[in-house]
Amino acid sequence: MLPTFIVIGARKSGTSSLWEYLKGHPGIFVPEEEKEPKFFVEERGWGAGLEWYEGLFAGAREDQARGELSTDYTAFPLYTGVPARMKALLPDVRLVYVMRDPIEHLRSAYA
C-alpha cells in the first residue's frame, strides 16, 4: 500500500504535533517509526527503494487514509525533482501544505 496523502510545508510549523494527532486517529495511518521518510528526496530516501517505502504502510488497513509528513519535500532548490517523482508514483495523492507565520518562523529558526 502507498499513501493517500502527504503533509508538506515549512519546517518548524507543527508537523511533529500533527503527526502525533494523526497517529491517534482510528481512520488514519501514519508510520510510527518514520515521521519524515523523505522518500521522494533523491539524496535522502529515494535510494531505499519502493519496497522500503511500501513497507512503511504495511500495517495500514484498506479503509484508512494513509499518509506521511516530510517537510524536505518543499526545500527547493536544495532538493530538486521531488514533484516529478511524487507525481509519477502517486498521481492522485492529496497534499496538505502546513504553513506558519513567516515572522514567527524566522524567530524560531534563529533561536
PDB file of N, CA and C in Angstrom:
ATOM      1  N   MET A   1       0.832  -1.186   0.000  1.00  0.00           N
ATOM      2  CA  MET A   1       0.000   0.000   0.000  1.00  0.00           C
ATOM      3  C   MET A   1       0.872   1.243   0.000  1.00  0.00           C
ATOM      4  N   LEU A   2       0.341   2.284  -0.567  1.00  0.00           N
ATOM      5  CA  LEU A   2       1.042   3.558  -0.637  1.00  0.00           C
ATOM      6  C   LEU A   2       0.175   4.647   0.003  1.00  0.00           C
ATOM      7  N   PRO A   3       0.761   5.801   0.287  1.00  0.00           N
ATOM      8  CA  PRO A   3      -0.022   6.854   0.947  1.00  0.00           C
ATOM      9  C   PRO A   3      -1.103   7.448   0.055  1.00  0.00           C
ATOM     10  N   THR A   4      -2.143   7.914   0.717  1.00  0.00           N
ATOM     11  CA  THR A   4      -3.216   8.629   0.032  1.00  0.00           C
ATOM     12  C   THR A   4      -3.087  10.136   0.250  1.00  0.00           C
ATOM     13  N   PHE A   5      -2.251  10.531   1.230  1.00  0.00           N
ATOM     14  CA  PHE A   5      -1.979  11.947   1.453  1.00  0.00           C
ATOM     15  C   PHE A   5      -0.542  12.122   1.949  1.00  0.00           C
ATOM     16  N   ILE A   6       0.010  13.297   1.674  1.00  0.00           N
ATOM     17  CA  ILE A   6       1.347  13.643   2.134  1.00  0.00           C
ATOM     18  C   ILE A   6       1.297  15.057   2.689  1.00  0.00           C
ATOM     19  N   VAL A   7       1.813  15.224   3.884  1.00  0.00           N
ATOM     20  CA  VAL A   7       1.898  16.538   4.505  1.00  0.00           C
ATOM     21  C   VAL A   7       3.262  17.126   4.161  1.00  0.00           C
ATOM     22  N   ILE A   8       3.226  18.297   3.537  1.00  0.00           N
ATOM     23  CA  ILE A   8       4.442  19.011   3.149  1.00  0.00           C
ATOM     24  C   ILE A   8       4.369  20.408   3.747  1.00  0.00           C
ATOM     25  N   GLY A   9       5.412  21.197   3.569  1.00  0.00           N
ATOM     26  CA  GLY A   9       5.347  22.582   4.020  1.00  0.00           C
ATOM     27  C   GLY A   9       6.579  23.026   4.752  1.00  0.00           C
ATOM     28  N   ALA A  10       6.395  24.064   5.530  1.00  0.00           N
ATOM     29  CA  ALA A  10       7.504  24.709   6.217  1.00  0.00           C
ATOM     30  C   ALA A  10       7.997  23.881   7.397  1.00  0.00           C
ATOM     31  N   ARG A  11       9.300  23.930   7.605  1.00  0.00           N
ATOM     32  CA  ARG A  11       9.880  23.330   8.801  1.00  0.00           C
ATOM     33  C   ARG A  11       9.457  24.163  10.002  1.00  0.00           C
ATOM     34  N   LYS A  12       9.450  23.531  11.158  1.00  0.00           N
ATOM     35  CA  LYS A  12       9.083  24.214  12.406  1.00  0.00           C
ATOM     36  C   LYS A  12       7.681  24.813  12.319  1.00  0.00           C
ATOM     37  N   SER A  13       6.749  24.048  11.712  1.00  0.00           N
ATOM     38  CA  SER A  13       5.386  24.553  11.553  1.00  0.00           C
ATOM     39  C   SER A  13       4.360  23.648  12.236  1.00  0.00           C
ATOM     40  N   GLY A  14       4.813  22.801  13.136  1.00  0.00           N
ATOM     41  CA  GLY A  14       3.880  21.965  13.890  1.00  0.00           C
ATOM     42  C   GLY A  14       3.676  20.577  13.335  1.00  0.00           C
ATOM     43  N   THR A  15       4.533  20.124  12.427  1.00  0.00           N
ATOM     44  CA  THR A  15       4.314  18.802  11.845  1.00  0.00           C
ATOM     45  C   THR A  15       4.513  17.674  12.856  1.00  0.00           C
ATOM     46  N   SER A  16       5.376  17.871  13.844  1.00  0.00           N
ATOM     47  CA  SER A  16       5.557  16.822  14.858  1.00  0.00           C
ATOM     48  C   SER A  16       4.286  16.654  15.684  1.00  0.00           C
ATOM     49  N   SER A  17       3.668  17.760  16.054  1.00  0.00           N
ATOM     50  CA  SER A  17       2.396  17.690  16.785  1.00  0.00           C
ATOM     51  C   SER A  17       1.310  17.078  15.907  1.00  0.00           C
ATOM     52  N   LEU A  18       1.248  17.501  14.652  1.00  0.00           N
ATOM     53  CA  LEU A  18       0.254  16.950  13.733  1.00  0.00           C
ATOM     54  C   LEU A  18       0.431  15.452  13.582  1.00  0.00           C
ATOM     55  N   TRP A  19       1.664  14.984  13.471  1.00  0.00           N
ATOM     56  CA  TRP A  19       1.960  13.555  13.363  1.00  0.00           C
ATOM     57  C   TRP A  19       1.409  12.811  14.576  1.00  0.00           C
ATOM     58  N   GLU A  20       1.623  13.362  15.769  1.00  0.00           N
ATOM     59  CA  GLU A  20       1.108  12.732  16.989  1.00  0.00           C
ATOM     60  C   GLU A  20      -0.419  12.651  16.963  1.00  0.00           C
ATOM     61  N   TYR A  21      -1.073  13.718  16.543  1.00  0.00           N
ATOM     62  CA  TYR A  21      -2.543  13.717  16.470  1.00  0.00           C
ATOM     63  C   TYR A  21      -3.040  12.691  15.456  1.00  0.00           C
ATOM     64  N   LEU A  22      -2.398  12.635  14.297  1.00  0.00           N
ATOM     65  CA  LEU A  22      -2.821  11.696  13.258  1.00  0.00           C
ATOM     66  C   LEU A  22      -2.635  10.246  13.696  1.00  0.00           C
ATOM     67  N   LYS A  23      -1.556   9.968  14.432  1.00  0.00           N
ATOM     68  CA  LYS A  23      -1.321   8.597  14.919  1.00  0.00           C
ATOM     69  C   LYS A  23      -2.462   8.120  15.806  1.00  0.00           C
ATOM     70  N   GLY A  24      -3.103   9.039  16.506  1.00  0.00           N
ATOM     71  CA  GLY A  24      -4.180   8.669  17.413  1.00  0.00           C
ATOM     72  C   GLY A  24      -5.549   8.550  16.773  1.00  0.00           C
ATOM     73  N   HIS A  25      -5.661   8.877  15.507  1.00  0.00           N
ATOM     74  CA  HIS A  25      -6.965   8.825  14.822  1.00  0.00           C
ATOM     75  C   HIS A  25      -7.176   7.432  14.226  1.00  0.00           C
ATOM     76  N   PRO A  26      -8.296   6.778  14.537  1.00  0.00           N
ATOM     77  CA  PRO A  26      -8.512   5.416  14.047  1.00  0.00           C
ATOM     78  C   PRO A  26      -8.686   5.298  12.531  1.00  0.00           C
ATOM     79  N   GLY A  27      -9.059   6.374  11.875  1.00  0.00           N
ATOM     80  CA  GLY A  27      -9.270   6.325  10.428  1.00  0.00           C
ATOM     81  C   GLY A  27      -8.051   6.720   9.618  1.00  0.00           C
ATOM     82  N   ILE A  28      -6.928   6.954  10.314  1.00  0.00           N
ATOM     83  CA  ILE A  28      -5.720   7.424   9.640  1.00  0.00           C
ATOM     84  C   ILE A  28      -4.536   6.561  10.056  1.00  0.00           C
ATOM     85  N   PHE A  29      -3.689   6.259   9.098  1.00  0.00           N
ATOM     86  CA  PHE A  29      -2.457   5.529   9.378  1.00  0.00           C
ATOM     87  C   PHE A  29      -1.272   6.377   8.945  1.00  0.00           C
ATOM     88  N   VAL A  30      -0.356   6.601   9.866  1.00  0.00           N
ATOM     89  CA  VAL A  30       0.944   7.196   9.551  1.00  0.00           C
ATOM     90  C   VAL A  30       2.003   6.282  10.151  1.00  0.00           C
ATOM     91  N   PRO A  31       3.140   6.132   9.494  1.00  0.00           N
ATOM     92  CA  PRO A  31       4.184   5.251  10.021  1.00  0.00           C
ATOM     93  C   PRO A  31       4.638   5.692  11.419  1.00  0.00           C
ATOM     94  N   GLU A  32       4.699   4.752  12.328  1.00  0.00           N
ATOM     95  CA  GLU A  32       5.129   5.040  13.701  1.00  0.00           C
ATOM     96  C   GLU A  32       6.627   5.298  13.766  1.00  0.00           C
ATOM     97  N   GLU A  33       7.397   4.554  12.990  1.00  0.00           N
ATOM     98  CA  GLU A  33       8.854   4.607  13.086  1.00  0.00           C
ATOM     99  C   GLU A  33       9.460   5.769  12.311  1.00  0.00           C
ATOM    100  N   GLU A  34       8.835   6.168  11.254  1.00  0.00           N
ATOM    101  CA  GLU A  34       9.401   7.172  10.348  1.00  0.00           C
ATOM    102  C   GLU A  34       8.456   8.348  10.191  1.00  0.00           C
ATOM    103  N   LYS A  35       8.636   9.378  11.009  1.00  0.00           N
ATOM    104  CA  LYS A  35       7.778  10.552  10.871  1.00  0.00           C
ATOM    105  C   LYS A  35       8.034  11.237   9.533  1.00  0.00           C
ATOM    106  N   GLU A  36       9.296  11.381   9.178  1.00  0.00           N
ATOM    107  CA  GLU A  36       9.652  12.038   7.920  1.00  0.00           C
ATOM    108  C   GLU A  36      10.524  11.113   7.069  1.00  0.00           C
ATOM    109  N   PRO A  37       9.910  10.236   6.289  1.00  0.00           N
ATOM    110  CA  PRO A  37      10.708   9.297   5.494  1.00  0.00           C
ATOM    111  C   PRO A  37      11.522   9.961   4.382  1.00  0.00           C
ATOM    112  N   LYS A  38      11.101  11.121   3.919  1.00  0.00           N
ATOM    113  CA  LYS A  38      11.839  11.858   2.877  1.00  0.00           C
ATOM    114  C   LYS A  38      12.092  10.997   1.642  1.00  0.00           C
ATOM    115  N   PHE A  39      11.172  10.113   1.359  1.00  0.00           N
ATOM    116  CA  PHE A  39      11.348   9.150   0.272  1.00  0.00           C
ATOM    117  C   PHE A  39      11.565   9.811  -1.082  1.00  0.00           C
ATOM    118  N   PHE A  40      10.840  10.867  -1.375  1.00  0.00           N
ATOM    119  CA  PHE A  40      10.902  11.479  -2.701  1.00  0.00           C
ATOM    120  C   PHE A  40      12.093  12.419  -2.889  1.00  0.00           C
ATOM    121  N   VAL A  41      12.918  12.577  -1.870  1.00  0.00           N
ATOM    122  CA  VAL A  41      14.152  13.363  -1.977  1.00  0.00           C
ATOM    123  C   VAL A  41      15.259  12.406  -2.406  1.00  0.00           C
ATOM    124  N   GLU A  42      15.780  12.630  -3.588  1.00  0.00           N
ATOM    125  CA  GLU A  42      16.774  11.714  -4.157  1.00  0.00           C
ATOM    126  C   GLU A  42      17.966  11.503  -3.225  1.00  0.00           C
ATOM    127  N   GLU A  43      18.423  12.569  -2.578  1.00  0.00           N
ATOM    128  CA  GLU A  43      19.592  12.490  -1.707  1.00  0.00           C
ATOM    129  C   GLU A  43      19.289  11.878  -0.345  1.00  0.00           C
ATOM    130  N   ARG A  44      18.045  11.644  -0.057  1.00  0.00           N
ATOM    131  CA  ARG A  44      17.663  11.137   1.261  1.00  0.00           C
ATOM    132  C   ARG A  44      17.088   9.721   1.180  1.00  0.00           C
ATOM    133  N   GLY A  45      15.799   9.602   0.852  1.00  0.00           N
ATOM    134  CA  GLY A  45      15.126   8.313   0.941  1.00  0.00           C
ATOM    135  C   GLY A  45      14.923   7.560  -0.358  1.00  0.00           C
ATOM    136  N   TRP A  46      15.081   8.221  -1.492  1.00  0.00           N
ATOM    137  CA  TRP A  46      14.782   7.604  -2.788  1.00  0.00           C
ATOM    138  C   TRP A  46      15.580   6.326  -3.012  1.00  0.00           C
ATOM    139  N   GLY A  47      16.808   6.313  -2.577  1.00  0.00           N
ATOM    140  CA  GLY A  47      17.666   5.153  -2.773  1.00  0.00           C
ATOM    141  C   GLY A  47      17.252   3.929  -1.977  1.00  0.00           C
ATOM    142  N   ALA A  48      16.410   4.120  -0.970  1.00  0.00           N
ATOM    143  CA  ALA A  48      15.946   2.979  -0.163  1.00  0.00           C
ATOM    144  C   ALA A  48      15.019   2.076  -0.967  1.00  0.00           C
ATOM    145  N   GLY A  49      14.403   2.612  -2.006  1.00  0.00           N
ATOM    146  CA  GLY A  49      13.573   1.813  -2.897  1.00  0.00           C
ATOM    147  C   GLY A  49      12.098   1.771  -2.533  1.00  0.00           C
ATOM    148  N   LEU A  50      11.308   1.426  -3.541  1.00  0.00           N
ATOM    149  CA  LEU A  50       9.853   1.394  -3.393  1.00  0.00           C
ATOM    150  C   LEU A  50       9.397   0.350  -2.373  1.00  0.00           C
ATOM    151  N   GLU A  51      10.063  -0.782  -2.331  1.00  0.00           N
ATOM    152  CA  GLU A  51       9.679  -1.827  -1.376  1.00  0.00           C
ATOM    153  C   GLU A  51       9.792  -1.319   0.061  1.00  0.00           C
ATOM    154  N   TRP A  52      10.860  -0.573   0.359  1.00  0.00           N
ATOM    155  CA  TRP A  52      11.018   0.012   1.687  1.00  0.00           C
ATOM    156  C   TRP A  52       9.891   0.990   1.982  1.00  0.00           C
ATOM    157  N   TYR A  53       9.587   1.850   1.005  1.00  0.00           N
ATOM    158  CA  TYR A  53       8.539   2.861   1.189  1.00  0.00           C
ATOM    159  C   TYR A  53       7.177   2.204   1.414  1.00  0.00           C
ATOM    160  N   GLU A  54       6.848   1.216   0.608  1.00  0.00           N
ATOM    161  CA  GLU A  54       5.582   0.490   0.789  1.00  0.00           C
ATOM    162  C   GLU A  54       5.538  -0.185   2.156  1.00  0.00           C
ATOM    163  N   GLY A  55       6.678  -0.656   2.626  1.00  0.00           N
ATOM    164  CA  GLY A  55       6.745  -1.312   3.921  1.00  0.00           C
ATOM    165  C   GLY A  55       6.365  -0.397   5.073  1.00  0.00           C
ATOM    166  N   LEU A  56       6.554   0.905   4.891  1.00  0.00           N
ATOM    167  CA  LEU A  56       6.162   1.853   5.935  1.00  0.00           C
ATOM    168  C   LEU A  56       4.660   1.835   6.183  1.00  0.00           C
ATOM    169  N   PHE A  57       3.885   1.434   5.175  1.00  0.00           N
ATOM    170  CA  PHE A  57       2.427   1.451   5.259  1.00  0.00           C
ATOM    171  C   PHE A  57       1.831   0.043   5.364  1.00  0.00           C
ATOM    172  N   ALA A  58       2.680  -0.940   5.623  1.00  0.00           N
ATOM    173  CA  ALA A  58       2.235  -2.335   5.667  1.00  0.00           C
ATOM    174  C   ALA A  58       1.205  -2.585   6.756  1.00  0.00           C
ATOM    175  N   GLY A  59       1.242  -1.819   7.833  1.00  0.00           N
ATOM    176  CA  GLY A  59       0.299  -2.025   8.923  1.00  0.00           C
ATOM    177  C   GLY A  59      -1.041  -1.342   8.749  1.00  0.00           C
ATOM    178  N   ALA A  60      -1.221  -0.635   7.648  1.00  0.00           N
ATOM    179  CA  ALA A  60      -2.466   0.104   7.416  1.00  0.00           C
ATOM    180  C   ALA A  60      -3.588  -0.819   6.953  1.00  0.00           C
ATOM    181  N   ARG A  61      -4.792  -0.458   7.327  1.00  0.00           N
ATOM    182  CA  ARG A  61      -5.978  -1.140   6.805  1.00  0.00           C
ATOM    183  C   ARG A  61      -6.403  -0.462   5.502  1.00  0.00           C
ATOM    184  N   GLU A  62      -7.086  -1.198   4.675  1.00  0.00           N
ATOM    185  CA  GLU A  62      -7.543  -0.670   3.385  1.00  0.00           C
ATOM    186  C   GLU A  62      -8.469   0.536   3.554  1.00  0.00           C
ATOM    187  N   ASP A  63      -9.252   0.560   4.646  1.00  0.00           N
ATOM    188  CA  ASP A  63     -10.225   1.636   4.842  1.00  0.00           C
ATOM    189  C   ASP A  63      -9.623   2.879   5.504  1.00  0.00           C
ATOM    190  N   GLN A  64      -8.340   2.864   5.814  1.00  0.00           N
ATOM    191  CA  GLN A  64      -7.702   4.011   6.445  1.00  0.00           C
ATOM    192  C   GLN A  64      -7.069   4.942   5.412  1.00  0.00           C
ATOM    193  N   ALA A  65      -7.115   6.231   5.705  1.00  0.00           N
ATOM    194  CA  ALA A  65      -6.303   7.172   4.942  1.00  0.00           C
ATOM    195  C   ALA A  65      -4.864   6.927   5.382  1.00  0.00           C
ATOM    196  N   ARG A  66      -3.956   6.887   4.433  1.00  0.00           N
ATOM    197  CA  ARG A  66      -2.545   6.605   4.743  1.00  0.00           C
ATOM    198  C   ARG A  66      -1.711   7.818   4.359  1.00  0.00           C
ATOM    199  N   GLY A  67      -0.831   8.220   5.274  1.00  0.00           N
ATOM    200  CA  GLY A  67      -0.054   9.407   4.966  1.00  0.00           C
ATOM    201  C   GLY A  67       1.305   9.438   5.605  1.00  0.00           C
ATOM    202  N   GLU A  68       2.078  10.393   5.155  1.00  0.00           N
ATOM    203  CA  GLU A  68       3.393  10.654   5.720  1.00  0.00           C
ATOM    204  C   GLU A  68       3.613  12.156   5.740  1.00  0.00           C
ATOM    205  N   LEU A  69       4.570  12.582   6.550  1.00  0.00           N
ATOM    206  CA  LEU A  69       4.877  14.001   6.708  1.00  0.00           C
ATOM    207  C   LEU A  69       6.366  14.211   6.459  1.00  0.00           C
ATOM    208  N   SER A  70       6.705  14.996   5.447  1.00  0.00           N
ATOM    209  CA  SER A  70       8.110  15.278   5.149  1.00  0.00           C
ATOM    210  C   SER A  70       8.244  16.714   4.653  1.00  0.00           C
ATOM    211  N   THR A  71       8.734  17.582   5.512  1.00  0.00           N
ATOM    212  CA  THR A  71       8.873  18.981   5.114  1.00  0.00           C
ATOM    213  C   THR A  71       9.991  19.192   4.098  1.00  0.00           C
ATOM    214  N   ASP A  72      10.927  18.266   3.990  1.00  0.00           N
ATOM    215  CA  ASP A  72      12.004  18.410   2.999  1.00  0.00           C
ATOM    216  C   ASP A  72      11.478  18.412   1.569  1.00  0.00           C
ATOM    217  N   TYR A  73      10.268  17.939   1.358  1.00  0.00           N
ATOM    218  CA  TYR A  73       9.709  17.909   0.007  1.00  0.00           C
ATOM    219  C   TYR A  73       9.544  19.309  -0.574  1.00  0.00           C
ATOM    220  N   THR A  74       9.495  20.318   0.273  1.00  0.00           N
ATOM    221  CA  THR A  74       9.320  21.685  -0.217  1.00  0.00           C
ATOM    222  C   THR A  74      10.613  22.495  -0.120  1.00  0.00           C
ATOM    223  N   ALA A  75      11.742  21.846   0.097  1.00  0.00           N
ATOM    224  CA  ALA A  75      13.027  22.540   0.250  1.00  0.00           C
ATOM    225  C   ALA A  75      13.715  22.750  -1.104  1.00  0.00           C
ATOM    226  N   PHE A  76      13.010  23.326  -2.039  1.00  0.00           N
ATOM    227  CA  PHE A  76      13.565  23.670  -3.349  1.00  0.00           C
ATOM    228  C   PHE A  76      14.258  25.018  -3.221  1.00  0.00           C
ATOM    229  N   PRO A  77      15.400  25.220  -3.769  1.00  0.00           N
ATOM    230  CA  PRO A  77      16.157  24.420  -4.717  1.00  0.00           C
ATOM    231  C   PRO A  77      17.156  23.452  -4.076  1.00  0.00           C
ATOM    232  N   LEU A  78      17.143  23.333  -2.764  1.00  0.00           N
ATOM    233  CA  LEU A  78      18.057  22.395  -2.111  1.00  0.00           C
ATOM    234  C   LEU A  78      17.850  20.978  -2.633  1.00  0.00           C
ATOM    235  N   TYR A  79      16.592  20.579  -2.737  1.00  0.00           N
ATOM    236  CA  TYR A  79      16.249  19.257  -3.279  1.00  0.00           C
ATOM    237  C   TYR A  79      15.378  19.455  -4.508  1.00  0.00           C
ATOM    238  N   THR A  80      15.800  18.902  -5.620  1.00  0.00           N
ATOM    239  CA  THR A  80      15.066  19.060  -6.879  1.00  0.00           C
ATOM    240  C   THR A  80      14.446  17.734  -7.298  1.00  0.00           C
ATOM    241  N   GLY A  81      13.460  17.818  -8.164  1.00  0.00           N
ATOM    242  CA  GLY A  81      12.840  16.627  -8.736  1.00  0.00           C
ATOM    243  C   GLY A  81      11.769  15.978  -7.881  1.00  0.00           C
ATOM    244  N   VAL A  82      11.528  16.523  -6.709  1.00  0.00           N
ATOM    245  CA  VAL A  82      10.544  15.911  -5.803  1.00  0.00           C
ATOM    246  C   VAL A  82       9.150  15.864  -6.420  1.00  0.00           C
ATOM    247  N   PRO A  83       8.615  16.967  -6.958  1.00  0.00           N
ATOM    248  CA  PRO A  83       7.268  16.898  -7.528  1.00  0.00           C
ATOM    249  C   PRO A  83       7.136  15.871  -8.648  1.00  0.00           C
ATOM    250  N   ALA A  84       8.126  15.762  -9.510  1.00  0.00           N
ATOM    251  CA  ALA A  84       8.068  14.807 -10.628  1.00  0.00           C
ATOM    252  C   ALA A  84       8.061  13.372 -10.123  1.00  0.00           C
ATOM    253  N   ARG A  85       8.912  13.061  -9.146  1.00  0.00           N
ATOM    254  CA  ARG A  85       8.926  11.698  -8.591  1.00  0.00           C
ATOM    255  C   ARG A  85       7.603  11.387  -7.904  1.00  0.00           C
ATOM    256  N   MET A  86       7.084  12.348  -7.172  1.00  0.00           N
ATOM    257  CA  MET A  86       5.826  12.157  -6.461  1.00  0.00           C
ATOM    258  C   MET A  86       4.667  11.928  -7.445  1.00  0.00           C
ATOM    259  N   LYS A  87       4.620  12.741  -8.479  1.00  0.00           N
ATOM    260  CA  LYS A  87       3.536  12.611  -9.468  1.00  0.00           C
ATOM    261  C   LYS A  87       3.617  11.283 -10.219  1.00  0.00           C
ATOM    262  N   ALA A  88       4.826  10.838 -10.527  1.00  0.00           N
ATOM    263  CA  ALA A  88       4.989   9.584 -11.253  1.00  0.00           C
ATOM    264  C   ALA A  88       4.506   8.387 -10.434  1.00  0.00           C
ATOM    265  N   LEU A  89       4.772   8.397  -9.143  1.00  0.00           N
ATOM    266  CA  LEU A  89       4.393   7.264  -8.297  1.00  0.00           C
ATOM    267  C   LEU A  89       2.993   7.399  -7.722  1.00  0.00           C
ATOM    268  N   LEU A  90       2.600   8.607  -7.365  1.00  0.00           N
ATOM    269  CA  LEU A  90       1.321   8.836  -6.682  1.00  0.00           C
ATOM    270  C   LEU A  90       0.531   9.951  -7.376  1.00  0.00           C
ATOM    271  N   PRO A  91       0.042   9.722  -8.572  1.00  0.00           N
ATOM    272  CA  PRO A  91      -0.602  10.802  -9.325  1.00  0.00           C
ATOM    273  C   PRO A  91      -1.855  11.376  -8.660  1.00  0.00           C
ATOM    274  N   ASP A  92      -2.514  10.616  -7.794  1.00  0.00           N
ATOM    275  CA  ASP A  92      -3.744  11.081  -7.162  1.00  0.00           C
ATOM    276  C   ASP A  92      -3.583  11.411  -5.681  1.00  0.00           C
ATOM    277  N   VAL A  93      -2.343  11.483  -5.191  1.00  0.00           N
ATOM    278  CA  VAL A  93      -2.121  11.744  -3.774  1.00  0.00           C
ATOM    279  C   VAL A  93      -2.610  13.156  -3.422  1.00  0.00           C
ATOM    280  N   ARG A  94      -3.139  13.289  -2.214  1.00  0.00           N
ATOM    281  CA  ARG A  94      -3.564  14.609  -1.735  1.00  0.00           C
ATOM    282  C   ARG A  94      -2.416  15.219  -0.946  1.00  0.00           C
ATOM    283  N   LEU A  95      -2.160  16.493  -1.195  1.00  0.00           N
ATOM    284  CA  LEU A  95      -1.100  17.194  -0.491  1.00  0.00           C
ATOM    285  C   LEU A  95      -1.715  18.131   0.541  1.00  0.00           C
ATOM    286  N   VAL A  96      -1.158  18.105   1.739  1.00  0.00           N
ATOM    287  CA  VAL A  96      -1.561  19.012   2.804  1.00  0.00           C
ATOM    288  C   VAL A  96      -0.351  19.903   3.071  1.00  0.00           C
ATOM    289  N   TYR A  97      -0.488  21.195   2.805  1.00  0.00           N
ATOM    290  CA  TYR A  97       0.631  22.122   2.961  1.00  0.00           C
ATOM    291  C   TYR A  97       0.466  22.865   4.284  1.00  0.00           C
ATOM    292  N   VAL A  98       1.411  22.648   5.195  1.00  0.00           N
ATOM    293  CA  VAL A  98       1.389  23.283   6.503  1.00  0.00           C
ATOM    294  C   VAL A  98       2.231  24.550   6.441  1.00  0.00           C
ATOM    295  N   MET A  99       1.648  25.646   6.896  1.00  0.00           N
ATOM    296  CA  MET A  99       2.352  26.926   6.860  1.00  0.00           C
ATOM    297  C   MET A  99       2.433  27.513   8.267  1.00  0.00           C
ATOM    298  N   ARG A 100       3.254  28.519   8.391  1.00  0.00           N
ATOM    299  CA  ARG A 100       3.413  29.207   9.664  1.00  0.00           C
ATOM    300  C   ARG A 100       3.650  30.687   9.391  1.00  0.00           C
ATOM    301  N   ASP A 101       3.254  31.517  10.332  1.00  0.00           N
ATOM    302  CA  ASP A 101       3.513  32.946  10.209  1.00  0.00           C
ATOM    303  C   ASP A 101       5.008  33.148   9.924  1.00  0.00           C
ATOM    304  N   PRO A 102       5.357  33.842   8.850  1.00  0.00           N
ATOM    305  CA  PRO A 102       6.760  33.954   8.460  1.00  0.00           C
ATOM    306  C   PRO A 102       7.658  34.605   9.516  1.00  0.00           C
ATOM    307  N   ILE A 103       7.170  35.600  10.216  1.00  0.00           N
ATOM    308  CA  ILE A 103       7.975  36.264  11.237  1.00  0.00           C
ATOM    309  C   ILE A 103       8.231  35.318  12.412  1.00  0.00           C
ATOM    310  N   GLU A 104       7.189  34.612  12.851  1.00  0.00           N
ATOM    311  CA  GLU A 104       7.366  33.648  13.942  1.00  0.00           C
ATOM    312  C   GLU A 104       8.294  32.511  13.519  1.00  0.00           C
ATOM    313  N   HIS A 105       8.194  32.126  12.256  1.00  0.00           N
ATOM    314  CA  HIS A 105       9.068  31.079  11.736  1.00  0.00           C
ATOM    315  C   HIS A 105      10.533  31.520  11.785  1.00  0.00           C
ATOM    316  N   LEU A 106      10.802  32.750  11.389  1.00  0.00           N
ATOM    317  CA  LEU A 106      12.175  33.269  11.442  1.00  0.00           C
ATOM    318  C   LEU A 106      12.697  33.332  12.869  1.00  0.00           C
ATOM    319  N   ARG A 107      11.846  33.775  13.776  1.00  0.00           N
ATOM    320  CA  ARG A 107      12.261  33.828  15.181  1.00  0.00           C
ATOM    321  C   ARG A 107      12.605  32.434  15.712  1.00  0.00           C
ATOM    322  N   SER A 108      11.771  31.469  15.384  1.00  0.00           N
ATOM    323  CA  SER A 108      12.009  30.096  15.837  1.00  0.00           C
ATOM    324  C   SER A 108      13.285  29.528  15.227  1.00  0.00           C
ATOM    325  N   ALA A 109      13.493  29.764  13.948  1.00  0.00           N
ATOM    326  CA  ALA A 109      14.682  29.262  13.278  1.00  0.00           C
ATOM    327  C   ALA A 109      15.944  29.904  13.857  1.00  0.00           C
ATOM    328  N   TYR A 110      15.854  31.180  14.183  1.00  0.00           N
ATOM    329  CA  TYR A 110      17.001  31.894  14.750  1.00  0.00           C
ATOM    330  C   TYR A 110      17.336  31.375  16.139  1.00  0.00           C
ATOM    331  N   ALA A 111      16.305  31.135  16.928  1.00  0.00           N
ATOM    332  CA  ALA A 111      16.505  30.663  18.314  1.00  0.00           C
ATOM    333  C   ALA A 111      17.001  29.238  18.299  1.00  0.00           C
TER     334      ALA A 111
END
